[in-house]
Amino acid sequence: MTRNKAHILFIKKDVERPAVEANLANVQNGSYPLSRPLFFYLRNKAAGDIKAFIDCVLSAEGQRSSPKLATSRSSRPSHGRTF
């Protein structure tokens, strides 16, 4: 049985800068070039299971439960709808 192994590649923002490892610290400090915030866009006001999911993701427990995905504290945009 052959197992596939992932190889972590270090990435450069440009040719003058050093390559950076993909890890939580580098995403949080902004030195890792392939990271971005995650936004939820809804057509209607959240209700039912969708509201429960969003409430969970935005909760303190949700932010702690997946540090690789939740790299910064969530905030709600002032121009968006409240959930």
Protein backbone atom coordinates (compact mmCIF):
# COMPACT_ATOMS: atom_id res chain seq x y z
CA MET A 1 0.00 0.00 0.00
CA THR A 2 1.38 3.39 -0.99
CA ARG A 3 0.60 6.39 1.16
CA ASN A 4 0.51 9.88 -0.21
CA LYS A 5 2.57 12.30 1.82
CA ALA A 6 1.97 16.02 1.86
CA HIS A 7 4.95 18.28 1.44
CA ILE A 8 4.80 21.67 3.09
CA LEU A 9 6.21 24.30 0.80
CA PHE A 10 7.59 27.61 1.97
CA ILE A 11 6.26 30.51 -0.10
CA LYS A 12 7.83 33.83 -1.06
CA LYS A 13 5.77 36.99 -1.32
CA ASP A 14 8.26 38.26 -3.89
CA VAL A 15 11.83 37.49 -5.00
CA GLU A 16 13.43 39.85 -2.46
CA ARG A 17 11.79 38.32 0.61
CA PRO A 18 12.58 35.01 2.29
CA ALA A 19 10.29 32.02 1.86
CA VAL A 20 7.77 31.65 4.68
CA GLU A 21 6.34 28.47 6.22
CA ALA A 22 2.57 27.97 6.26
CA ASN A 23 1.83 27.96 9.98
CA LEU A 24 -0.57 29.70 12.34
CA ALA A 25 1.97 32.22 13.64
CA ASN A 26 2.93 33.35 10.12
CA VAL A 27 -0.71 33.68 9.06
CA GLN A 28 -1.51 35.70 12.19
CA ASN A 29 1.46 38.05 11.81
CA GLY A 30 0.77 38.61 8.11
CA SER A 31 4.05 37.23 6.76
CA TYR A 32 2.45 34.22 5.04
CA PRO A 33 1.22 35.52 1.64
CA LEU A 34 -1.61 33.04 0.96
CA SER A 35 -4.11 33.78 3.69
CA ARG A 36 -7.31 35.79 3.75
CA PRO A 37 -10.26 36.43 6.01
CA LEU A 38 -13.36 34.28 5.71
CA PHE A 39 -16.73 35.97 5.18
CA PHE A 40 -20.24 34.53 5.21
CA TYR A 41 -22.63 36.16 2.77
CA LEU A 42 -26.32 35.46 3.22
CA ARG A 43 -29.22 36.34 0.98
CA ASN A 44 -31.63 36.54 3.94
CA LYS A 45 -31.34 36.95 7.68
CA ALA A 46 -29.83 33.82 9.22
CA ALA A 47 -32.36 31.44 10.77
CA GLY A 48 -32.53 27.85 11.98
CA ASP A 49 -29.49 25.67 11.34
CA ILE A 50 -27.66 28.44 9.46
CA LYS A 51 -27.99 30.84 12.38
CA ALA A 52 -26.87 28.12 14.80
CA PHE A 53 -23.82 27.42 12.63
CA ILE A 54 -22.84 31.10 12.37
CA ASP A 55 -23.41 31.65 16.09
CA CYS A 56 -21.18 28.66 16.81
CA VAL A 57 -18.40 29.83 14.47
CA LEU A 58 -18.44 33.35 15.96
CA SER A 59 -18.54 32.15 19.57
CA ALA A 60 -15.45 32.03 21.75
CA GLU A 61 -15.62 28.22 21.72
CA GLY A 62 -15.89 28.16 17.93
CA GLN A 63 -12.87 30.41 17.59
CA ARG A 64 -10.83 28.19 19.93
CA SER A 65 -11.95 24.89 18.40
CA SER A 66 -10.14 25.31 15.09
CA PRO A 67 -7.06 27.50 15.48
CA LYS A 68 -5.81 26.61 12.01
CA LEU A 69 -8.96 28.10 10.48
CA ALA A 70 -9.84 30.76 13.02
CA THR A 71 -6.62 32.72 12.85
CA SER A 72 -8.02 35.97 14.12
CA ARG A 73 -10.96 37.14 16.15
CA SER A 74 -14.15 37.36 14.16
CA SER A 75 -15.84 40.67 13.73
CA ARG A 76 -19.00 41.64 12.00
CA PRO A 77 -18.67 44.23 9.28
CA SER A 78 -20.37 47.50 10.11
CA HIS A 79 -21.92 47.63 6.63
CA GLY A 80 -23.38 44.13 6.84
CA ARG A 81 -26.43 42.63 8.42
CA THR A 82 -26.38 41.43 11.95
CA PHE A 83 -27.02 37.75 12.50
